[in-house]
Protein backbone atom coordinates (compact mmCIF):
# COMPACT_ATOMS: atom_id res chain seq x y z
CA UNK A 1 0.00 0.00 0.00
CA UNK A 2 1.25 3.49 -0.83
CA UNK A 3 1.69 5.15 2.57
CA UNK A 4 3.57 8.31 3.64
CA UNK A 5 5.99 6.26 5.74
CA UNK A 6 6.56 3.42 3.26
CA UNK A 7 10.13 4.60 2.51
CA UNK A 8 11.93 5.65 5.71
CA UNK A 9 14.67 7.44 3.77
CA UNK A 10 12.19 10.07 2.50
CA UNK A 11 9.59 9.95 5.28
CA UNK A 12 10.62 13.30 6.77
CA UNK A 13 10.47 15.01 3.37
CA UNK A 14 7.06 13.45 2.62
CA UNK A 15 5.78 14.70 5.97
CA UNK A 16 7.17 18.16 5.23
CA UNK A 17 5.33 18.27 1.89
CA UNK A 18 2.04 17.36 3.59
CA UNK A 19 2.72 19.92 6.31
CA UNK A 20 3.33 22.52 3.59
CA UNK A 21 -0.23 21.92 2.38
CA UNK A 22 -1.58 22.60 5.86
CA UNK A 23 0.63 25.67 6.31
CA UNK A 24 -0.79 27.11 3.09
CA UNK A 25 -4.33 25.96 3.89
CA UNK A 26 -5.65 29.51 4.49
CA UNK A 27 -4.47 30.56 1.03
CA UNK A 28 -5.70 27.33 -0.57
CA UNK A 29 -9.11 27.89 1.02
CA UNK A 30 -9.18 31.43 -0.37
CA UNK A 31 -8.59 29.92 -3.82
CA UNK A 32 -11.50 27.49 -3.33
CA UNK A 33 -13.82 30.28 -2.21
CA UNK A 34 -12.75 32.37 -5.21
CA UNK A 35 -13.44 29.44 -7.55
CA UNK A 36 -16.97 29.02 -6.24
CA UNK A 37 -17.67 32.77 -6.11
CA UNK A 38 -16.02 33.97 -9.33
CA UNK A 39 -16.01 30.80 -11.47
CA UNK A 40 -12.24 30.62 -11.90
CA UNK A 41 -10.00 27.54 -11.59
ModelCIF file with pLDDT and N, C-alpha, C, O atoms, coordinates in Angstrom:
data_MODEL
#
_entry.id   MODEL 
#
_entity.id                         1 
_entity.type                       polymer 
_entity.pdbx_number_of_molecules   1 
#
_entity_poly.entity_id                      1 
_entity_poly.type                           'polypeptide(L)' 
_entity_poly.nstd_linkage                   no 
_entity_poly.nstd_monomer                   no 
_entity_poly.pdbx_seq_one_letter_code       
;(UNK)(UNK)(UNK)(UNK)(UNK)(UNK)(UNK)(UNK)(UNK)(UNK)(UNK)(UNK)(UNK)(UNK)(UNK)(UNK)
(UNK)(UNK)(UNK)(UNK)(UNK)(UNK)(UNK)(UNK)(UNK)(UNK)(UNK)(UNK)(UNK)(UNK)(UNK)(UNK)
(UNK)(UNK)(UNK)(UNK)(UNK)(UNK)(UNK)(UNK)(UNK)
;
_entity_poly.pdbx_seq_one_letter_code_can   XXXXXXXXXXXXXXXXXXXXXXXXXXXXXXXXXXXXXXXXX 
_entity_poly.pdbx_strand_id                 A 
#
loop_
_entity_poly_seq.entity_id 
_entity_poly_seq.num 
_entity_poly_seq.mon_id 
_entity_poly_seq.hetero 
1 1  UNK n 
1 2  UNK n 
1 3  UNK n 
1 4  UNK n 
1 5  UNK n 
1 6  UNK n 
1 7  UNK n 
1 8  UNK n 
1 9  UNK n 
1 10 UNK n 
1 11 UNK n 
1 12 UNK n 
1 13 UNK n 
1 14 UNK n 
1 15 UNK n 
1 16 UNK n 
1 17 UNK n 
1 18 UNK n 
1 19 UNK n 
1 20 UNK n 
1 21 UNK n 
1 22 UNK n 
1 23 UNK n 
1 24 UNK n 
1 25 UNK n 
1 26 UNK n 
1 27 UNK n 
1 28 UNK n 
1 29 UNK n 
1 30 UNK n 
1 31 UNK n 
1 32 UNK n 
1 33 UNK n 
1 34 UNK n 
1 35 UNK n 
1 36 UNK n 
1 37 UNK n 
1 38 UNK n 
1 39 UNK n 
1 40 UNK n 
1 41 UNK n 
#
_struct_asym.id          A 
_struct_asym.entity_id   1 
#
loop_
_ma_qa_metric.id 
_ma_qa_metric.mode 
_ma_qa_metric.name 
_ma_qa_metric.software_group_id 
_ma_qa_metric.type 
1 global pLDDT . pLDDT 
2 local  pLDDT . pLDDT 
#
_ma_qa_metric_global.metric_id      1 
_ma_qa_metric_global.metric_value   97.85 
_ma_qa_metric_global.model_id       1 
_ma_qa_metric_global.ordinal_id     1 
#
loop_
_ma_qa_metric_local.label_asym_id 
_ma_qa_metric_local.label_comp_id 
_ma_qa_metric_local.label_seq_id 
_ma_qa_metric_local.metric_id 
_ma_qa_metric_local.metric_value 
_ma_qa_metric_local.model_id 
_ma_qa_metric_local.ordinal_id 
A UNK 1  2 94.00 1 1  
A UNK 2  2 97.00 1 2  
A UNK 3  2 98.00 1 3  
A UNK 4  2 98.00 1 4  
A UNK 5  2 98.00 1 5  
A UNK 6  2 97.00 1 6  
A UNK 7  2 98.00 1 7  
A UNK 8  2 98.00 1 8  
A UNK 9  2 98.00 1 9  
A UNK 10 2 98.00 1 10 
A UNK 11 2 98.00 1 11 
A UNK 12 2 98.00 1 12 
A UNK 13 2 98.00 1 13 
A UNK 14 2 98.00 1 14 
A UNK 15 2 98.00 1 15 
A UNK 16 2 98.00 1 16 
A UNK 17 2 98.00 1 17 
A UNK 18 2 98.00 1 18 
A UNK 19 2 98.00 1 19 
A UNK 20 2 98.00 1 20 
A UNK 21 2 98.00 1 21 
A UNK 22 2 98.00 1 22 
A UNK 23 2 98.00 1 23 
A UNK 24 2 98.00 1 24 
A UNK 25 2 98.00 1 25 
A UNK 26 2 98.00 1 26 
A UNK 27 2 98.00 1 27 
A UNK 28 2 98.00 1 28 
A UNK 29 2 98.00 1 29 
A UNK 30 2 98.00 1 30 
A UNK 31 2 98.00 1 31 
A UNK 32 2 98.00 1 32 
A UNK 33 2 98.00 1 33 
A UNK 34 2 98.00 1 34 
A UNK 35 2 98.00 1 35 
A UNK 36 2 98.00 1 36 
A UNK 37 2 98.00 1 37 
A UNK 38 2 98.00 1 38 
A UNK 39 2 98.00 1 39 
A UNK 40 2 98.00 1 40 
A UNK 41 2 98.00 1 41 
#
loop_
_atom_site.group_PDB 
_atom_site.id 
_atom_site.type_symbol 
_atom_site.label_atom_id 
_atom_site.label_alt_id 
_atom_site.label_comp_id 
_atom_site.label_asym_id 
_atom_site.label_entity_id 
_atom_site.label_seq_id 
_atom_site.pdbx_PDB_ins_code 
_atom_site.Cartn_x 
_atom_site.Cartn_y 
_atom_site.Cartn_z 
_atom_site.occupancy 
_atom_site.B_iso_or_equiv 
_atom_site.pdbx_formal_charge 
_atom_site.auth_seq_id 
_atom_site.auth_comp_id 
_atom_site.auth_asym_id 
_atom_site.auth_atom_id 
_atom_site.pdbx_PDB_model_num 
ATOM 1   N N  . UNK A 1 1  ? 0.844   -1.197 0.000   1.00 94.00 ? 1  UNK A N  1 
ATOM 2   C CA . UNK A 1 1  ? 0.000   0.000  0.000   1.00 94.00 ? 1  UNK A CA 1 
ATOM 3   C C  . UNK A 1 1  ? 0.874   1.240  0.000   1.00 94.00 ? 1  UNK A C  1 
ATOM 4   O O  . UNK A 1 1  ? 1.824   1.332  0.778   1.00 94.00 ? 1  UNK A O  1 
ATOM 5   N N  . UNK A 1 2  ? 0.560   2.204  -0.873  1.00 97.00 ? 2  UNK A N  1 
ATOM 6   C CA . UNK A 1 2  ? 1.251   3.494  -0.830  1.00 97.00 ? 2  UNK A CA 1 
ATOM 7   C C  . UNK A 1 2  ? 0.886   4.204  0.475   1.00 97.00 ? 2  UNK A C  1 
ATOM 8   O O  . UNK A 1 2  ? -0.282  4.504  0.720   1.00 97.00 ? 2  UNK A O  1 
ATOM 9   N N  . UNK A 1 3  ? 1.886   4.465  1.301   1.00 98.00 ? 3  UNK A N  1 
ATOM 10  C CA . UNK A 1 3  ? 1.689   5.152  2.571   1.00 98.00 ? 3  UNK A CA 1 
ATOM 11  C C  . UNK A 1 3  ? 2.789   6.186  2.761   1.00 98.00 ? 3  UNK A C  1 
ATOM 12  O O  . UNK A 1 3  ? 3.883   5.996  2.230   1.00 98.00 ? 3  UNK A O  1 
ATOM 13  N N  . UNK A 1 4  ? 2.552   7.261  3.487   1.00 98.00 ? 4  UNK A N  1 
ATOM 14  C CA . UNK A 1 4  ? 3.573   8.312  3.635   1.00 98.00 ? 4  UNK A CA 1 
ATOM 15  C C  . UNK A 1 4  ? 4.875   7.806  4.242   1.00 98.00 ? 4  UNK A C  1 
ATOM 16  O O  . UNK A 1 4  ? 5.944   8.354  3.973   1.00 98.00 ? 4  UNK A O  1 
ATOM 17  N N  . UNK A 1 5  ? 4.786   6.763  5.060   1.00 98.00 ? 5  UNK A N  1 
ATOM 18  C CA . UNK A 1 5  ? 5.988   6.265  5.743   1.00 98.00 ? 5  UNK A CA 1 
ATOM 19  C C  . UNK A 1 5  ? 6.553   4.996  5.096   1.00 98.00 ? 5  UNK A C  1 
ATOM 20  O O  . UNK A 1 5  ? 7.363   4.305  5.714   1.00 98.00 ? 5  UNK A O  1 
ATOM 21  N N  . UNK A 1 6  ? 6.142   4.679  3.864   1.00 97.00 ? 6  UNK A N  1 
ATOM 22  C CA . UNK A 1 6  ? 6.560   3.415  3.258   1.00 97.00 ? 6  UNK A CA 1 
ATOM 23  C C  . UNK A 1 6  ? 8.045   3.377  2.936   1.00 97.00 ? 6  UNK A C  1 
ATOM 24  O O  . UNK A 1 6  ? 8.617   2.292  2.831   1.00 97.00 ? 6  UNK A O  1 
ATOM 25  N N  . UNK A 1 7  ? 8.685   4.532  2.777   1.00 98.00 ? 7  UNK A N  1 
ATOM 26  C CA . UNK A 1 7  ? 10.128  4.595  2.509   1.00 98.00 ? 7  UNK A CA 1 
ATOM 27  C C  . UNK A 1 7  ? 10.771  5.462  3.587   1.00 98.00 ? 7  UNK A C  1 
ATOM 28  O O  . UNK A 1 7  ? 10.715  6.688  3.492   1.00 98.00 ? 7  UNK A O  1 
ATOM 29  N N  . UNK A 1 8  ? 11.376  4.864  4.605   1.00 98.00 ? 8  UNK A N  1 
ATOM 30  C CA . UNK A 1 8  ? 11.933  5.652  5.714   1.00 98.00 ? 8  UNK A CA 1 
ATOM 31  C C  . UNK A 1 8  ? 12.913  6.724  5.278   1.00 98.00 ? 8  UNK A C  1 
ATOM 32  O O  . UNK A 1 8  ? 13.010  7.771  5.918   1.00 98.00 ? 8  UNK A O  1 
ATOM 33  N N  . UNK A 1 9  ? 13.652  6.474  4.181   1.00 98.00 ? 9  UNK A N  1 
ATOM 34  C CA . UNK A 1 9  ? 14.670  7.444  3.772   1.00 98.00 ? 9  UNK A CA 1 
ATOM 35  C C  . UNK A 1 9  ? 14.090  8.769  3.286   1.00 98.00 ? 9  UNK A C  1 
ATOM 36  O O  . UNK A 1 9  ? 14.810  9.766  3.240   1.00 98.00 ? 9  UNK A O  1 
ATOM 37  N N  . UNK A 1 10 ? 12.803  8.805  2.919   1.00 98.00 ? 10 UNK A N  1 
ATOM 38  C CA . UNK A 1 10 ? 12.194  10.070 2.496   1.00 98.00 ? 10 UNK A CA 1 
ATOM 39  C C  . UNK A 1 10 ? 10.994  10.439 3.373   1.00 98.00 ? 10 UNK A C  1 
ATOM 40  O O  . UNK A 1 10 ? 10.262  11.375 3.053   1.00 98.00 ? 10 UNK A O  1 
ATOM 41  N N  . UNK A 1 11 ? 10.789  9.725  4.457   1.00 98.00 ? 11 UNK A N  1 
ATOM 42  C CA . UNK A 1 11 ? 9.592   9.951  5.277   1.00 98.00 ? 11 UNK A CA 1 
ATOM 43  C C  . UNK A 1 11 ? 9.527   11.385 5.791   1.00 98.00 ? 11 UNK A C  1 
ATOM 44  O O  . UNK A 1 11 ? 8.460   11.997 5.761   1.00 98.00 ? 11 UNK A O  1 
ATOM 45  N N  . UNK A 1 12 ? 10.636  11.928 6.258   1.00 98.00 ? 12 UNK A N  1 
ATOM 46  C CA . UNK A 1 12 ? 10.624  13.303 6.770   1.00 98.00 ? 12 UNK A CA 1 
ATOM 47  C C  . UNK A 1 12 ? 10.236  14.296 5.677   1.00 98.00 ? 12 UNK A C  1 
ATOM 48  O O  . UNK A 1 12 ? 9.467   15.225 5.921   1.00 98.00 ? 12 UNK A O  1 
ATOM 49  N N  . UNK A 1 13 ? 10.770  14.097 4.470   1.00 98.00 ? 13 UNK A N  1 
ATOM 50  C CA . UNK A 1 13 ? 10.467  15.010 3.374   1.00 98.00 ? 13 UNK A CA 1 
ATOM 51  C C  . UNK A 1 13 ? 9.010   14.877 2.927   1.00 98.00 ? 13 UNK A C  1 
ATOM 52  O O  . UNK A 1 13 ? 8.378   15.872 2.572   1.00 98.00 ? 13 UNK A O  1 
ATOM 53  N N  . UNK A 1 14 ? 8.478   13.652 2.942   1.00 98.00 ? 14 UNK A N  1 
ATOM 54  C CA . UNK A 1 14 ? 7.057   13.450 2.618   1.00 98.00 ? 14 UNK A CA 1 
ATOM 55  C C  . UNK A 1 14 ? 6.190   14.180 3.642   1.00 98.00 ? 14 UNK A C  1 
ATOM 56  O O  . UNK A 1 14 ? 5.239   14.873 3.283   1.00 98.00 ? 14 UNK A O  1 
ATOM 57  N N  . UNK A 1 15 ? 6.528   14.017 4.913   1.00 98.00 ? 15 UNK A N  1 
ATOM 58  C CA . UNK A 1 15 ? 5.778   14.696 5.968   1.00 98.00 ? 15 UNK A CA 1 
ATOM 59  C C  . UNK A 1 15 ? 5.848   16.211 5.790   1.00 98.00 ? 15 UNK A C  1 
ATOM 60  O O  . UNK A 1 15 ? 4.849   16.908 5.971   1.00 98.00 ? 15 UNK A O  1 
ATOM 61  N N  . UNK A 1 16 ? 7.019   16.716 5.437   1.00 98.00 ? 16 UNK A N  1 
ATOM 62  C CA . UNK A 1 16 ? 7.168   18.162 5.231   1.00 98.00 ? 16 UNK A CA 1 
ATOM 63  C C  . UNK A 1 16 ? 6.274   18.653 4.096   1.00 98.00 ? 16 UNK A C  1 
ATOM 64  O O  . UNK A 1 16 ? 5.689   19.732 4.188   1.00 98.00 ? 16 UNK A O  1 
ATOM 65  N N  . UNK A 1 17 ? 6.167   17.862 3.023   1.00 98.00 ? 17 UNK A N  1 
ATOM 66  C CA . UNK A 1 17 ? 5.329   18.269 1.893   1.00 98.00 ? 17 UNK A CA 1 
ATOM 67  C C  . UNK A 1 17 ? 3.855   18.313 2.295   1.00 98.00 ? 17 UNK A C  1 
ATOM 68  O O  . UNK A 1 17 ? 3.121   19.208 1.876   1.00 98.00 ? 17 UNK A O  1 
ATOM 69  N N  . UNK A 1 18 ? 3.422   17.338 3.113   1.00 98.00 ? 18 UNK A N  1 
ATOM 70  C CA . UNK A 1 18 ? 2.039   17.359 3.593   1.00 98.00 ? 18 UNK A CA 1 
ATOM 71  C C  . UNK A 1 18 ? 1.830   18.532 4.546   1.00 98.00 ? 18 UNK A C  1 
ATOM 72  O O  . UNK A 1 18 ? 0.796   19.197 4.505   1.00 98.00 ? 18 UNK A O  1 
ATOM 73  N N  . UNK A 1 19 ? 2.818   18.779 5.404   1.00 98.00 ? 19 UNK A N  1 
ATOM 74  C CA . UNK A 1 19 ? 2.722   19.924 6.305   1.00 98.00 ? 19 UNK A CA 1 
ATOM 75  C C  . UNK A 1 19 ? 2.671   21.246 5.549   1.00 98.00 ? 19 UNK A C  1 
ATOM 76  O O  . UNK A 1 19 ? 2.009   22.189 5.981   1.00 98.00 ? 19 UNK A O  1 
ATOM 77  N N  . UNK A 1 20 ? 3.379   21.311 4.409   1.00 98.00 ? 20 UNK A N  1 
ATOM 78  C CA . UNK A 1 20 ? 3.326   22.519 3.586   1.00 98.00 ? 20 UNK A CA 1 
ATOM 79  C C  . UNK A 1 20 ? 1.887   22.795 3.146   1.00 98.00 ? 20 UNK A C  1 
ATOM 80  O O  . UNK A 1 20 ? 1.438   23.941 3.147   1.00 98.00 ? 20 UNK A O  1 
ATOM 81  N N  . UNK A 1 21 ? 1.176   21.741 2.773   1.00 98.00 ? 21 UNK A N  1 
ATOM 82  C CA . UNK A 1 21 ? -0.231  21.918 2.381   1.00 98.00 ? 21 UNK A CA 1 
ATOM 83  C C  . UNK A 1 21 ? -1.031  22.566 3.517   1.00 98.00 ? 21 UNK A C  1 
ATOM 84  O O  . UNK A 1 21 ? -1.802  23.500 3.292   1.00 98.00 ? 21 UNK A O  1 
ATOM 85  N N  . UNK A 1 22 ? -0.837  22.058 4.737   1.00 98.00 ? 22 UNK A N  1 
ATOM 86  C CA . UNK A 1 22 ? -1.585  22.605 5.864   1.00 98.00 ? 22 UNK A CA 1 
ATOM 87  C C  . UNK A 1 22 ? -1.126  24.021 6.206   1.00 98.00 ? 22 UNK A C  1 
ATOM 88  O O  . UNK A 1 22 ? -1.937  24.849 6.618   1.00 98.00 ? 22 UNK A O  1 
ATOM 89  N N  . UNK A 1 23 ? 0.154   24.303 6.041   1.00 98.00 ? 23 UNK A N  1 
ATOM 90  C CA . UNK A 1 23 ? 0.631   25.665 6.306   1.00 98.00 ? 23 UNK A CA 1 
ATOM 91  C C  . UNK A 1 23 ? -0.011  26.653 5.339   1.00 98.00 ? 23 UNK A C  1 
ATOM 92  O O  . UNK A 1 23 ? -0.345  27.776 5.718   1.00 98.00 ? 23 UNK A O  1 
ATOM 93  N N  . UNK A 1 24 ? -0.180  26.229 4.090   1.00 98.00 ? 24 UNK A N  1 
ATOM 94  C CA . UNK A 1 24 ? -0.787  27.107 3.086   1.00 98.00 ? 24 UNK A CA 1 
ATOM 95  C C  . UNK A 1 24 ? -2.304  26.946 2.999   1.00 98.00 ? 24 UNK A C  1 
ATOM 96  O O  . UNK A 1 24 ? -2.934  27.490 2.092   1.00 98.00 ? 24 UNK A O  1 
ATOM 97  N N  . UNK A 1 25 ? -2.889  26.205 3.931   1.00 98.00 ? 25 UNK A N  1 
ATOM 98  C CA . UNK A 1 25 ? -4.333  25.955 3.889   1.00 98.00 ? 25 UNK A CA 1 
ATOM 99  C C  . UNK A 1 25 ? -5.165  27.240 3.835   1.00 98.00 ? 25 UNK A C  1 
ATOM 100 O O  . UNK A 1 25 ? -6.137  27.282 3.080   1.00 98.00 ? 25 UNK A O  1 
ATOM 101 N N  . UNK A 1 26 ? -4.832  28.289 4.596   1.00 98.00 ? 26 UNK A N  1 
ATOM 102 C CA . UNK A 1 26 ? -5.651  29.508 4.491   1.00 98.00 ? 26 UNK A CA 1 
ATOM 103 C C  . UNK A 1 26 ? -5.657  30.097 3.076   1.00 98.00 ? 26 UNK A C  1 
ATOM 104 O O  . UNK A 1 26 ? -6.688  30.579 2.609   1.00 98.00 ? 26 UNK A O  1 
ATOM 105 N N  . UNK A 1 27 ? -4.516  30.057 2.403   1.00 98.00 ? 27 UNK A N  1 
ATOM 106 C CA . UNK A 1 27 ? -4.473  30.556 1.031   1.00 98.00 ? 27 UNK A CA 1 
ATOM 107 C C  . UNK A 1 27 ? -5.209  29.618 0.090   1.00 98.00 ? 27 UNK A C  1 
ATOM 108 O O  . UNK A 1 27 ? -5.949  30.066 -0.785  1.00 98.00 ? 27 UNK A O  1 
ATOM 109 N N  . UNK A 1 28 ? -5.009  28.306 0.268   1.00 98.00 ? 28 UNK A N  1 
ATOM 110 C CA . UNK A 1 28 ? -5.701  27.326 -0.573  1.00 98.00 ? 28 UNK A CA 1 
ATOM 111 C C  . UNK A 1 28 ? -7.213  27.479 -0.417  1.00 98.00 ? 28 UNK A C  1 
ATOM 112 O O  . UNK A 1 28 ? -7.950  27.393 -1.399  1.00 98.00 ? 28 UNK A O  1 
ATOM 113 N N  . UNK A 1 29 ? -7.674  27.705 0.805   1.00 98.00 ? 29 UNK A N  1 
ATOM 114 C CA . UNK A 1 29 ? -9.106  27.889 1.024   1.00 98.00 ? 29 UNK A CA 1 
ATOM 115 C C  . UNK A 1 29 ? -9.609  29.169 0.353   1.00 98.00 ? 29 UNK A C  1 
ATOM 116 O O  . UNK A 1 29 ? -10.719 29.192 -0.179  1.00 98.00 ? 29 UNK A O  1 
ATOM 117 N N  . UNK A 1 30 ? -8.815  30.215 0.372   1.00 98.00 ? 30 UNK A N  1 
ATOM 118 C CA . UNK A 1 30 ? -9.175  31.430 -0.365  1.00 98.00 ? 30 UNK A CA 1 
ATOM 119 C C  . UNK A 1 30 ? -9.372  31.121 -1.849  1.00 98.00 ? 30 UNK A C  1 
ATOM 120 O O  . UNK A 1 30 ? -10.298 31.630 -2.481  1.00 98.00 ? 30 UNK A O  1 
ATOM 121 N N  . UNK A 1 31 ? -8.491  30.280 -2.398  1.00 98.00 ? 31 UNK A N  1 
ATOM 122 C CA . UNK A 1 31 ? -8.593  29.919 -3.817  1.00 98.00 ? 31 UNK A CA 1 
ATOM 123 C C  . UNK A 1 31 ? -9.877  29.139 -4.092  1.00 98.00 ? 31 UNK A C  1 
ATOM 124 O O  . UNK A 1 31 ? -10.514 29.335 -5.127  1.00 98.00 ? 31 UNK A O  1 
ATOM 125 N N  . UNK A 1 32 ? -10.258 28.256 -3.166  1.00 98.00 ? 32 UNK A N  1 
ATOM 126 C CA . UNK A 1 32 ? -11.496 27.495 -3.332  1.00 98.00 ? 32 UNK A CA 1 
ATOM 127 C C  . UNK A 1 32 ? -12.703 28.427 -3.274  1.00 98.00 ? 32 UNK A C  1 
ATOM 128 O O  . UNK A 1 32 ? -13.611 28.327 -4.099  1.00 98.00 ? 32 UNK A O  1 
ATOM 129 N N  . UNK A 1 33 ? -12.707 29.322 -2.307  1.00 98.00 ? 33 UNK A N  1 
ATOM 130 C CA . UNK A 1 33 ? -13.816 30.282 -2.211  1.00 98.00 ? 33 UNK A CA 1 
ATOM 131 C C  . UNK A 1 33 ? -13.908 31.144 -3.463  1.00 98.00 ? 33 UNK A C  1 
ATOM 132 O O  . UNK A 1 33 ? -15.004 31.423 -3.950  1.00 98.00 ? 33 UNK A O  1 
ATOM 133 N N  . UNK A 1 34 ? -12.759 31.566 -3.983  1.00 98.00 ? 34 UNK A N  1 
ATOM 134 C CA . UNK A 1 34 ? -12.754 32.365 -5.209  1.00 98.00 ? 34 UNK A CA 1 
ATOM 135 C C  . UNK A 1 34 ? -13.310 31.569 -6.384  1.00 98.00 ? 34 UNK A C  1 
ATOM 136 O O  . UNK A 1 34 ? -14.057 32.101 -7.205  1.00 98.00 ? 34 UNK A O  1 
ATOM 137 N N  . UNK A 1 35 ? -12.941 30.285 -6.461  1.00 98.00 ? 35 UNK A N  1 
ATOM 138 C CA . UNK A 1 35 ? -13.437 29.435 -7.548  1.00 98.00 ? 35 UNK A CA 1 
ATOM 139 C C  . UNK A 1 35 ? -14.954 29.353 -7.534  1.00 98.00 ? 35 UNK A C  1 
ATOM 140 O O  . UNK A 1 35 ? -15.598 29.445 -8.578  1.00 98.00 ? 35 UNK A O  1 
ATOM 141 N N  . UNK A 1 36 ? -15.519 29.179 -6.350  1.00 98.00 ? 36 UNK A N  1 
ATOM 142 C CA . UNK A 1 36 ? -16.972 29.023 -6.240  1.00 98.00 ? 36 UNK A CA 1 
ATOM 143 C C  . UNK A 1 36 ? -17.697 30.355 -6.379  1.00 98.00 ? 36 UNK A C  1 
ATOM 144 O O  . UNK A 1 36 ? -18.846 30.388 -6.821  1.00 98.00 ? 36 UNK A O  1 
ATOM 145 N N  . UNK A 1 37 ? -17.052 31.436 -6.014  1.00 98.00 ? 37 UNK A N  1 
ATOM 146 C CA . UNK A 1 37 ? -17.671 32.767 -6.112  1.00 98.00 ? 37 UNK A CA 1 
ATOM 147 C C  . UNK A 1 37 ? -17.532 33.373 -7.498  1.00 98.00 ? 37 UNK A C  1 
ATOM 148 O O  . UNK A 1 37 ? -18.488 33.933 -8.034  1.00 98.00 ? 37 UNK A O  1 
ATOM 149 N N  . UNK A 1 38 ? -16.327 33.261 -8.086  1.00 98.00 ? 38 UNK A N  1 
ATOM 150 C CA . UNK A 1 38 ? -16.017 33.974 -9.327  1.00 98.00 ? 38 UNK A CA 1 
ATOM 151 C C  . UNK A 1 38 ? -15.876 33.059 -10.539 1.00 98.00 ? 38 UNK A C  1 
ATOM 152 O O  . UNK A 1 38 ? -15.607 33.538 -11.641 1.00 98.00 ? 38 UNK A O  1 
ATOM 153 N N  . UNK A 1 39 ? -16.051 31.755 -10.357 1.00 98.00 ? 39 UNK A N  1 
ATOM 154 C CA . UNK A 1 39 ? -16.009 30.797 -11.468 1.00 98.00 ? 39 UNK A CA 1 
ATOM 155 C C  . UNK A 1 39 ? -14.649 30.792 -12.172 1.00 98.00 ? 39 UNK A C  1 
ATOM 156 O O  . UNK A 1 39 ? -14.567 30.849 -13.399 1.00 98.00 ? 39 UNK A O  1 
ATOM 157 N N  . UNK A 1 40 ? -13.591 30.722 -11.370 1.00 98.00 ? 40 UNK A N  1 
ATOM 158 C CA . UNK A 1 40 ? -12.237 30.622 -11.904 1.00 98.00 ? 40 UNK A CA 1 
ATOM 159 C C  . UNK A 1 40 ? -11.570 29.371 -11.342 1.00 98.00 ? 40 UNK A C  1 
ATOM 160 O O  . UNK A 1 40 ? -11.881 28.968 -10.222 1.00 98.00 ? 40 UNK A O  1 
ATOM 161 N N  . UNK A 1 41 ? -10.662 28.746 -12.090 1.00 98.00 ? 41 UNK A N  1 
ATOM 162 C CA . UNK A 1 41 ? -9.997  27.540 -11.587 1.00 98.00 ? 41 UNK A CA 1 
ATOM 163 C C  . UNK A 1 41 ? -9.165  27.812 -10.340 1.00 98.00 ? 41 UNK A C  1 
ATOM 164 O O  . UNK A 1 41 ? -8.546  26.895 -9.800  1.00 98.00 ? 41 UNK A O  1 
#
